[in-house]
N, C-alpha and C. Protein backbone atom coordinates (compact mmCIF):
# COMPACT_ATOMS: atom_id res chain seq x y z
N UNK A 1 82.99 51.64 212.95
CA UNK A 1 84.16 52.26 212.42
C UNK A 1 85.34 51.42 212.57
N UNK A 2 86.11 51.81 211.78
CA UNK A 2 87.34 50.89 211.78
C UNK A 2 88.35 51.50 212.68
N UNK A 3 89.03 50.55 213.10
CA UNK A 3 90.03 50.93 214.05
C UNK A 3 91.38 51.18 213.35
N UNK A 4 92.14 51.98 214.04
CA UNK A 4 93.43 52.27 213.43
C UNK A 4 94.38 51.02 213.46
N UNK A 5 94.19 50.22 214.33
CA UNK A 5 94.96 49.03 214.45
C UNK A 5 94.62 48.08 213.27
N UNK A 6 93.33 48.18 212.89
CA UNK A 6 93.00 47.35 211.66
C UNK A 6 93.71 47.90 210.43
N UNK A 7 93.82 49.20 210.33
CA UNK A 7 94.49 49.80 209.17
C UNK A 7 96.03 49.41 209.25
N UNK A 8 96.49 49.50 210.50
CA UNK A 8 97.88 49.20 210.61
C UNK A 8 98.15 47.71 210.27
N UNK A 9 97.26 46.88 210.59
CA UNK A 9 97.36 45.50 210.32
C UNK A 9 97.26 45.24 208.83
N UNK A 10 96.38 45.94 208.19
CA UNK A 10 96.19 45.81 206.73
C UNK A 10 97.47 46.34 206.02
N UNK A 11 98.07 47.40 206.51
CA UNK A 11 99.30 47.96 205.92
C UNK A 11 100.48 46.97 206.09
N UNK A 12 100.47 46.35 207.24
CA UNK A 12 101.49 45.27 207.45
C UNK A 12 101.36 44.14 206.49
N UNK A 13 100.12 43.76 206.30
CA UNK A 13 99.87 42.61 205.43
C UNK A 13 100.25 42.98 204.00
N UNK A 14 99.90 44.18 203.56
CA UNK A 14 100.21 44.63 202.19
C UNK A 14 101.78 44.73 202.06
N UNK A 15 102.40 45.24 203.09
CA UNK A 15 103.90 45.30 203.02
C UNK A 15 104.49 43.94 203.03
N UNK A 16 103.91 43.05 203.78
CA UNK A 16 104.42 41.63 203.78
C UNK A 16 104.23 41.06 202.40
N UNK A 17 103.08 41.26 201.84
CA UNK A 17 102.80 40.70 200.48
C UNK A 17 103.72 41.28 199.47
N UNK A 18 103.99 42.56 199.55
CA UNK A 18 104.93 43.22 198.65
C UNK A 18 106.31 42.59 198.82
N UNK A 19 106.68 42.39 200.08
CA UNK A 19 108.03 41.82 200.35
C UNK A 19 108.19 40.38 199.85
N UNK A 20 107.10 39.67 200.02
CA UNK A 20 107.10 38.22 199.57
C UNK A 20 107.10 38.23 198.03
N UNK A 21 106.27 39.13 197.41
CA UNK A 21 106.33 39.18 195.95
C UNK A 21 107.72 39.61 195.42
N UNK A 22 108.31 40.58 196.09
CA UNK A 22 109.71 41.07 195.73
C UNK A 22 110.65 39.92 195.91
N UNK A 23 110.46 39.15 196.92
CA UNK A 23 111.47 38.05 197.19
C UNK A 23 111.25 36.99 196.17
N UNK A 24 110.00 36.67 195.84
CA UNK A 24 109.75 35.70 194.81
C UNK A 24 110.28 36.11 193.45
N UNK A 25 110.02 37.44 193.13
CA UNK A 25 110.55 37.97 191.86
C UNK A 25 112.11 37.99 191.91
N UNK A 26 112.68 38.24 193.02
CA UNK A 26 114.17 38.19 193.12
C UNK A 26 114.73 36.81 192.95
N UNK A 27 113.96 35.85 193.56
CA UNK A 27 114.45 34.42 193.35
C UNK A 27 114.25 34.00 191.89
N UNK A 28 113.09 34.42 191.33
CA UNK A 28 112.85 34.01 189.94
C UNK A 28 113.94 34.77 189.04
N UNK A 29 114.19 35.96 189.27
CA UNK A 29 115.18 36.75 188.58
C UNK A 29 116.58 36.12 188.66
N UNK A 30 116.95 35.74 189.87
CA UNK A 30 118.21 35.10 190.11
C UNK A 30 118.22 33.70 189.35
N UNK A 31 117.15 33.01 189.36
CA UNK A 31 117.12 31.70 188.65
C UNK A 31 117.30 31.94 187.12
N UNK A 32 116.64 32.98 186.62
CA UNK A 32 116.78 33.28 185.16
C UNK A 32 118.26 33.69 184.88
N UNK A 33 118.82 34.46 185.80
CA UNK A 33 120.21 34.90 185.60
C UNK A 33 121.22 33.64 185.65
N UNK A 34 120.87 32.80 186.56
CA UNK A 34 121.69 31.55 186.73
C UNK A 34 121.59 30.74 185.44
N UNK A 35 120.36 30.61 184.95
CA UNK A 35 120.15 29.83 183.68
C UNK A 35 120.84 30.46 182.53
N UNK A 36 120.77 31.79 182.46
CA UNK A 36 121.44 32.49 181.39
C UNK A 36 122.99 32.28 181.48
N UNK A 37 123.53 32.37 182.67
CA UNK A 37 124.91 32.16 182.88
C UNK A 37 125.32 30.75 182.48
N UNK A 38 124.42 29.80 182.87
CA UNK A 38 124.73 28.38 182.49
C UNK A 38 124.70 28.15 180.99
N UNK A 39 123.80 28.85 180.31
CA UNK A 39 123.75 28.71 178.81
C UNK A 39 124.94 29.42 178.19
N UNK A 40 125.31 30.63 178.74
CA UNK A 40 126.49 31.36 178.21
C UNK A 40 127.69 30.46 178.45
N UNK A 41 127.86 29.90 179.63
CA UNK A 41 129.02 29.03 179.85
C UNK A 41 129.01 27.83 178.94
N UNK A 42 127.85 27.23 178.74
CA UNK A 42 127.82 26.10 177.78
C UNK A 42 128.13 26.54 176.40
N UNK A 43 127.67 27.69 175.98
CA UNK A 43 127.98 28.16 174.65
C UNK A 43 129.52 28.46 174.53
N UNK A 44 130.07 29.03 175.55
CA UNK A 44 131.51 29.30 175.59
C UNK A 44 132.28 27.99 175.59
N UNK A 45 131.86 27.00 176.30
CA UNK A 45 132.52 25.71 176.26
C UNK A 45 132.38 25.12 174.87
N UNK A 46 131.26 25.15 174.19
CA UNK A 46 131.07 24.59 172.88
C UNK A 46 131.94 25.36 171.85
N UNK A 47 131.97 26.66 172.00
CA UNK A 47 132.80 27.51 171.09
C UNK A 47 134.30 27.16 171.31
N UNK A 48 134.70 27.01 172.60
CA UNK A 48 136.05 26.68 172.93
C UNK A 48 136.41 25.32 172.28
N UNK A 49 135.55 24.35 172.50
CA UNK A 49 135.79 23.01 172.00
C UNK A 49 135.85 23.03 170.48
N UNK A 50 134.98 23.79 169.83
CA UNK A 50 134.98 23.87 168.37
C UNK A 50 136.26 24.56 167.94
N UNK A 51 136.72 25.65 168.60
CA UNK A 51 137.93 26.31 168.27
C UNK A 51 139.11 25.40 168.45
N UNK A 52 139.14 24.57 169.48
CA UNK A 52 140.24 23.69 169.69
C UNK A 52 140.30 22.64 168.59
N UNK A 53 139.11 22.07 168.23
CA UNK A 53 139.05 21.11 167.05
C UNK A 53 139.54 21.74 165.79
N UNK A 54 139.11 22.97 165.58
CA UNK A 54 139.50 23.68 164.34
C UNK A 54 141.02 24.02 164.37
N UNK A 55 141.54 24.36 165.53
CA UNK A 55 142.93 24.64 165.71
C UNK A 55 143.74 23.44 165.48
N UNK A 56 143.32 22.26 166.07
CA UNK A 56 144.00 20.98 165.91
C UNK A 56 143.97 20.60 164.39
N UNK A 57 142.82 20.75 163.76
CA UNK A 57 142.71 20.37 162.34
C UNK A 57 143.63 21.32 161.51
N UNK A 58 143.62 22.62 161.84
CA UNK A 58 144.49 23.54 161.10
C UNK A 58 145.93 23.15 161.33
N UNK A 59 146.31 22.83 162.54
CA UNK A 59 147.70 22.42 162.84
C UNK A 59 148.10 21.17 162.00
N UNK A 60 147.09 20.23 161.99
CA UNK A 60 147.42 19.00 161.25
C UNK A 60 147.51 19.31 159.72
N UNK A 61 146.63 20.17 159.20
CA UNK A 61 146.68 20.54 157.80
C UNK A 61 147.97 21.27 157.47
N UNK A 62 148.36 22.19 158.42
CA UNK A 62 149.65 22.92 158.23
C UNK A 62 150.80 21.99 158.25
N UNK A 63 150.80 21.02 159.15
CA UNK A 63 151.87 20.04 159.27
C UNK A 63 151.97 19.28 157.95
N UNK A 64 150.80 18.80 157.46
CA UNK A 64 150.71 17.97 156.27
C UNK A 64 151.18 18.86 155.07
N UNK A 65 150.75 20.10 154.97
CA UNK A 65 151.16 20.97 153.89
C UNK A 65 152.67 21.21 153.94
N UNK A 66 153.21 21.44 155.17
CA UNK A 66 154.64 21.60 155.26
C UNK A 66 155.41 20.33 154.92
N UNK A 67 154.93 19.19 155.31
CA UNK A 67 155.58 17.95 154.93
C UNK A 67 155.52 17.80 153.43
N UNK A 68 154.39 18.09 152.84
CA UNK A 68 154.26 17.99 151.35
C UNK A 68 155.18 18.95 150.68
N UNK A 69 155.30 20.17 151.25
CA UNK A 69 156.23 21.20 150.66
C UNK A 69 157.67 20.70 150.79
N UNK A 70 158.00 20.14 151.99
CA UNK A 70 159.39 19.64 152.12
C UNK A 70 159.67 18.49 151.12
N UNK A 71 158.69 17.58 151.03
CA UNK A 71 158.88 16.46 150.12
C UNK A 71 158.98 16.93 148.66
N UNK A 72 158.16 17.90 148.32
CA UNK A 72 158.26 18.53 146.92
C UNK A 72 159.63 19.18 146.75
N UNK A 73 160.11 19.87 147.78
CA UNK A 73 161.40 20.49 147.71
C UNK A 73 162.52 19.44 147.47
N UNK A 74 162.40 18.36 148.34
CA UNK A 74 163.44 17.28 148.20
C UNK A 74 163.35 16.65 146.83
N UNK A 75 162.12 16.44 146.33
CA UNK A 75 161.98 15.86 145.03
C UNK A 75 162.52 16.74 143.93
N UNK A 76 162.21 18.06 144.08
CA UNK A 76 162.75 19.03 143.07
C UNK A 76 164.28 19.02 143.14
N UNK A 77 164.77 19.01 144.31
CA UNK A 77 166.27 19.06 144.46
C UNK A 77 166.84 17.78 143.85
N UNK A 78 166.18 16.67 144.10
CA UNK A 78 166.67 15.40 143.51
C UNK A 78 166.62 15.45 141.98
N UNK A 79 165.50 15.98 141.50
CA UNK A 79 165.36 16.11 140.01
C UNK A 79 166.36 17.04 139.45
N UNK A 80 166.63 18.16 140.11
CA UNK A 80 167.65 19.09 139.68
C UNK A 80 169.01 18.44 139.67
N UNK A 81 169.28 17.69 140.69
CA UNK A 81 170.61 16.99 140.80
C UNK A 81 170.67 15.94 139.69
N UNK A 82 169.61 15.21 139.44
CA UNK A 82 169.61 14.27 138.39
C UNK A 82 169.78 14.91 137.02
N UNK A 83 169.15 16.04 136.80
CA UNK A 83 169.33 16.77 135.53
C UNK A 83 170.77 17.28 135.39
N UNK A 84 171.35 17.76 136.48
CA UNK A 84 172.76 18.22 136.45
C UNK A 84 173.68 17.08 136.12
N UNK A 85 173.41 15.92 136.78
CA UNK A 85 174.22 14.75 136.55
C UNK A 85 174.10 14.31 135.08
N UNK A 86 172.90 14.24 134.61
CA UNK A 86 172.68 13.87 133.22
C UNK A 86 173.33 14.82 132.25
N UNK A 87 173.22 16.11 132.57
CA UNK A 87 173.85 17.13 131.74
C UNK A 87 175.41 16.99 131.70
N UNK A 88 175.94 16.67 132.92
CA UNK A 88 177.40 16.43 133.03
C UNK A 88 177.82 15.23 132.24
N UNK A 89 177.00 14.17 132.34
CA UNK A 89 177.21 12.94 131.63
C UNK A 89 177.25 13.16 130.14
N UNK A 90 176.20 13.93 129.67
CA UNK A 90 176.10 14.16 128.23
C UNK A 90 177.27 15.11 127.73
N UNK A 91 177.65 16.04 128.58
CA UNK A 91 178.79 16.90 128.23
C UNK A 91 180.04 16.03 128.13
N UNK A 92 180.22 15.16 129.13
CA UNK A 92 181.44 14.29 129.14
C UNK A 92 181.39 13.37 127.94
N UNK A 93 180.24 12.84 127.61
CA UNK A 93 180.15 11.99 126.44
C UNK A 93 180.43 12.65 125.17
N UNK A 94 179.96 13.91 125.07
CA UNK A 94 180.22 14.77 123.86
C UNK A 94 181.71 14.96 123.77
N UNK A 95 182.33 15.34 124.91
CA UNK A 95 183.81 15.63 124.90
C UNK A 95 184.55 14.34 124.56
N UNK A 96 184.10 13.17 125.06
CA UNK A 96 184.74 11.92 124.68
C UNK A 96 184.66 11.63 123.20
N UNK A 97 183.38 11.86 122.70
CA UNK A 97 183.18 11.60 121.27
C UNK A 97 184.08 12.55 120.42
N UNK A 98 184.13 13.76 120.82
CA UNK A 98 184.94 14.77 120.10
C UNK A 98 186.42 14.32 120.10
N UNK A 99 186.95 13.92 121.30
CA UNK A 99 188.33 13.41 121.37
C UNK A 99 188.57 12.23 120.50
N UNK A 100 187.58 11.29 120.53
CA UNK A 100 187.67 10.09 119.73
C UNK A 100 187.65 10.45 118.26
N UNK A 101 186.77 11.33 117.84
CA UNK A 101 186.72 11.74 116.43
C UNK A 101 188.02 12.43 116.03
N UNK A 102 188.57 13.26 116.92
CA UNK A 102 189.87 13.90 116.59
C UNK A 102 190.92 12.84 116.52
N UNK A 103 191.00 11.86 117.37
CA UNK A 103 192.00 10.87 117.33
C UNK A 103 191.87 10.03 116.08
N UNK A 104 190.59 9.66 115.70
CA UNK A 104 190.34 8.89 114.54
C UNK A 104 190.78 9.72 113.26
N UNK A 105 190.44 11.00 113.26
CA UNK A 105 190.85 11.85 112.10
C UNK A 105 192.35 11.95 112.03
N UNK A 106 193.03 12.06 113.18
CA UNK A 106 194.43 12.05 113.16
C UNK A 106 195.05 10.80 112.69
N UNK A 107 194.51 9.68 113.16
CA UNK A 107 194.96 8.33 112.79
C UNK A 107 194.70 8.13 111.23
N UNK A 108 193.55 8.57 110.80
CA UNK A 108 193.19 8.50 109.37
C UNK A 108 194.16 9.30 108.56
N UNK A 109 194.45 10.51 108.93
CA UNK A 109 195.38 11.33 108.22
C UNK A 109 196.76 10.74 108.18
N UNK A 110 197.19 10.17 109.32
CA UNK A 110 198.47 9.56 109.35
C UNK A 110 198.51 8.35 108.38
N UNK A 111 197.47 7.51 108.44
CA UNK A 111 197.41 6.36 107.57
C UNK A 111 197.40 6.76 106.07
N UNK A 112 196.66 7.88 105.82
CA UNK A 112 196.65 8.39 104.39
C UNK A 112 198.06 8.78 103.96
N UNK A 113 198.73 9.50 104.83
CA UNK A 113 200.09 9.95 104.54
C UNK A 113 201.01 8.74 104.26
N UNK A 114 200.80 7.64 105.01
CA UNK A 114 201.64 6.47 104.80
C UNK A 114 201.14 5.68 103.56
N UNK A 115 199.89 5.77 103.28
CA UNK A 115 199.27 4.93 102.20
C UNK A 115 199.64 5.50 100.86
N UNK A 116 199.54 6.87 100.75
CA UNK A 116 199.70 7.47 99.43
C UNK A 116 200.95 8.43 99.42
N UNK A 117 201.87 8.08 98.58
CA UNK A 117 203.04 8.88 98.34
C UNK A 117 203.01 9.26 96.87
N UNK A 118 202.72 10.54 96.55
CA UNK A 118 202.65 10.93 95.15
C UNK A 118 203.97 10.75 94.43
N UNK A 119 203.86 10.36 93.21
CA UNK A 119 205.15 10.15 92.46
C UNK A 119 205.88 11.46 92.37
N UNK A 120 207.17 11.45 92.02
CA UNK A 120 208.02 12.57 91.86
C UNK A 120 207.48 13.50 90.85
N UNK A 121 206.97 13.00 89.73
CA UNK A 121 206.54 13.86 88.63
C UNK A 121 205.26 14.67 89.02
N UNK A 122 204.55 14.27 90.08
CA UNK A 122 203.37 14.95 90.48
C UNK A 122 203.74 16.06 91.45
N UNK A 123 204.93 16.23 91.93
CA UNK A 123 205.30 17.27 92.83
C UNK A 123 205.15 18.64 92.11
N UNK A 124 205.65 18.76 90.89
CA UNK A 124 205.51 19.99 90.06
C UNK A 124 205.20 19.51 88.64
N UNK A 125 203.86 19.16 88.40
CA UNK A 125 203.56 18.66 87.07
C UNK A 125 203.84 19.71 85.98
N UNK A 126 204.53 19.28 84.88
CA UNK A 126 204.86 20.18 83.79
C UNK A 126 203.70 20.56 82.90
N UNK A 127 202.97 19.54 82.52
CA UNK A 127 201.91 19.78 81.58
C UNK A 127 200.54 19.38 82.07
N UNK A 128 199.60 19.77 81.27
CA UNK A 128 198.21 19.48 81.62
C UNK A 128 197.96 17.96 81.75
N UNK A 129 198.44 17.19 80.78
CA UNK A 129 198.26 15.76 80.90
C UNK A 129 198.81 15.19 82.11
N UNK A 130 199.93 15.63 82.57
CA UNK A 130 200.55 15.15 83.82
C UNK A 130 199.72 15.52 85.00
N UNK A 131 199.20 16.78 85.09
CA UNK A 131 198.33 17.21 86.12
C UNK A 131 197.01 16.29 86.17
N UNK A 132 196.45 16.02 85.07
CA UNK A 132 195.27 15.19 85.01
C UNK A 132 195.58 13.73 85.50
N UNK A 133 196.71 13.23 84.99
CA UNK A 133 197.11 11.91 85.43
C UNK A 133 197.41 11.81 86.91
N UNK A 134 198.08 12.83 87.46
CA UNK A 134 198.33 12.93 88.92
C UNK A 134 197.02 13.02 89.71
N UNK A 135 196.12 13.86 89.26
CA UNK A 135 194.84 14.00 89.88
C UNK A 135 194.11 12.71 89.94
N UNK A 136 194.10 11.96 88.75
CA UNK A 136 193.40 10.69 88.68
C UNK A 136 193.99 9.67 89.65
N UNK A 137 195.33 9.62 89.67
CA UNK A 137 196.05 8.72 90.62
C UNK A 137 195.67 9.05 92.07
N UNK A 138 195.62 10.32 92.40
CA UNK A 138 195.25 10.71 93.67
C UNK A 138 193.82 10.31 94.05
N UNK A 139 192.86 10.49 93.11
CA UNK A 139 191.48 10.11 93.34
C UNK A 139 191.36 8.56 93.48
N UNK A 140 192.04 7.77 92.66
CA UNK A 140 192.00 6.37 92.74
C UNK A 140 192.59 5.94 94.06
N UNK A 141 193.64 6.53 94.43
CA UNK A 141 194.29 6.16 95.72
C UNK A 141 193.36 6.52 96.93
N UNK A 142 192.67 7.62 96.83
CA UNK A 142 191.70 8.00 97.90
C UNK A 142 190.60 6.95 98.00
N UNK A 143 190.07 6.60 96.85
CA UNK A 143 188.95 5.62 96.82
C UNK A 143 189.45 4.28 97.40
N UNK A 144 190.60 3.86 97.01
CA UNK A 144 191.14 2.62 97.55
C UNK A 144 191.42 2.70 99.03
N UNK A 145 191.98 3.82 99.44
CA UNK A 145 192.16 4.09 100.86
C UNK A 145 190.90 4.04 101.68
N UNK A 146 189.83 4.66 101.17
CA UNK A 146 188.56 4.67 101.88
C UNK A 146 187.99 3.30 102.05
N UNK A 147 188.07 2.51 100.95
CA UNK A 147 187.57 1.13 101.02
C UNK A 147 188.38 0.34 102.11
N UNK A 148 189.65 0.50 102.06
CA UNK A 148 190.49 -0.24 103.05
C UNK A 148 190.32 0.25 104.48
N UNK A 149 190.15 1.58 104.54
CA UNK A 149 189.90 2.23 105.92
C UNK A 149 188.61 1.64 106.52
N UNK A 150 187.58 1.57 105.70
CA UNK A 150 186.27 1.09 106.14
C UNK A 150 186.36 -0.42 106.54
N UNK A 151 187.22 -1.14 105.86
CA UNK A 151 187.39 -2.56 106.19
C UNK A 151 188.41 -2.82 107.27
N UNK A 152 189.05 -1.76 107.70
CA UNK A 152 190.10 -1.82 108.72
C UNK A 152 191.25 -2.70 108.31
N UNK A 153 191.58 -2.49 107.02
CA UNK A 153 192.70 -3.32 106.40
C UNK A 153 194.02 -2.50 106.42
N UNK A 154 193.99 -1.30 106.89
CA UNK A 154 195.08 -0.42 106.74
C UNK A 154 196.25 -0.76 107.72
N UNK A 155 195.95 -1.62 108.71
CA UNK A 155 197.04 -1.97 109.63
C UNK A 155 198.08 -2.77 108.86
N UNK A 156 197.69 -3.38 107.80
CA UNK A 156 198.60 -4.14 106.97
C UNK A 156 199.48 -3.22 106.16
N UNK A 157 198.93 -1.97 105.89
CA UNK A 157 199.69 -1.07 105.04
C UNK A 157 200.87 -0.44 105.83
N UNK A 158 200.65 -0.09 107.02
CA UNK A 158 201.74 0.52 107.75
C UNK A 158 202.16 -0.33 108.88
């Protein structure tokens, strides 16, 4: 028969085996958890690095886009200013041409008034023949005046 001490010894051995198995399982579980934590930390570090690269790239792209926008704004402002200056120049040139044309017209009218003095009889023509004759003299004088005006010979007239 077996002795109670043998049973007790067997129970102690079983308990020791269970404790050793539990300790081994605990160590293995701890090792697995440590490996998982290492992998999670590595993934976090990789994601953080990727995020930092993306953030730096985004910052660079934003800075480049802002610089391009500023350059485009400066270019547009310069183009607008150039257009305004050209418009002002054209307006001034048109005003100058208009004043010159008015001055030339006034000078031409004054030259005409000095060039052609209708005869006394044409002031109040009595008959049709006199009216026709006065009209023809006026037309001939205008033609002669235009020829001389174009040749700039009228300075001799007045």
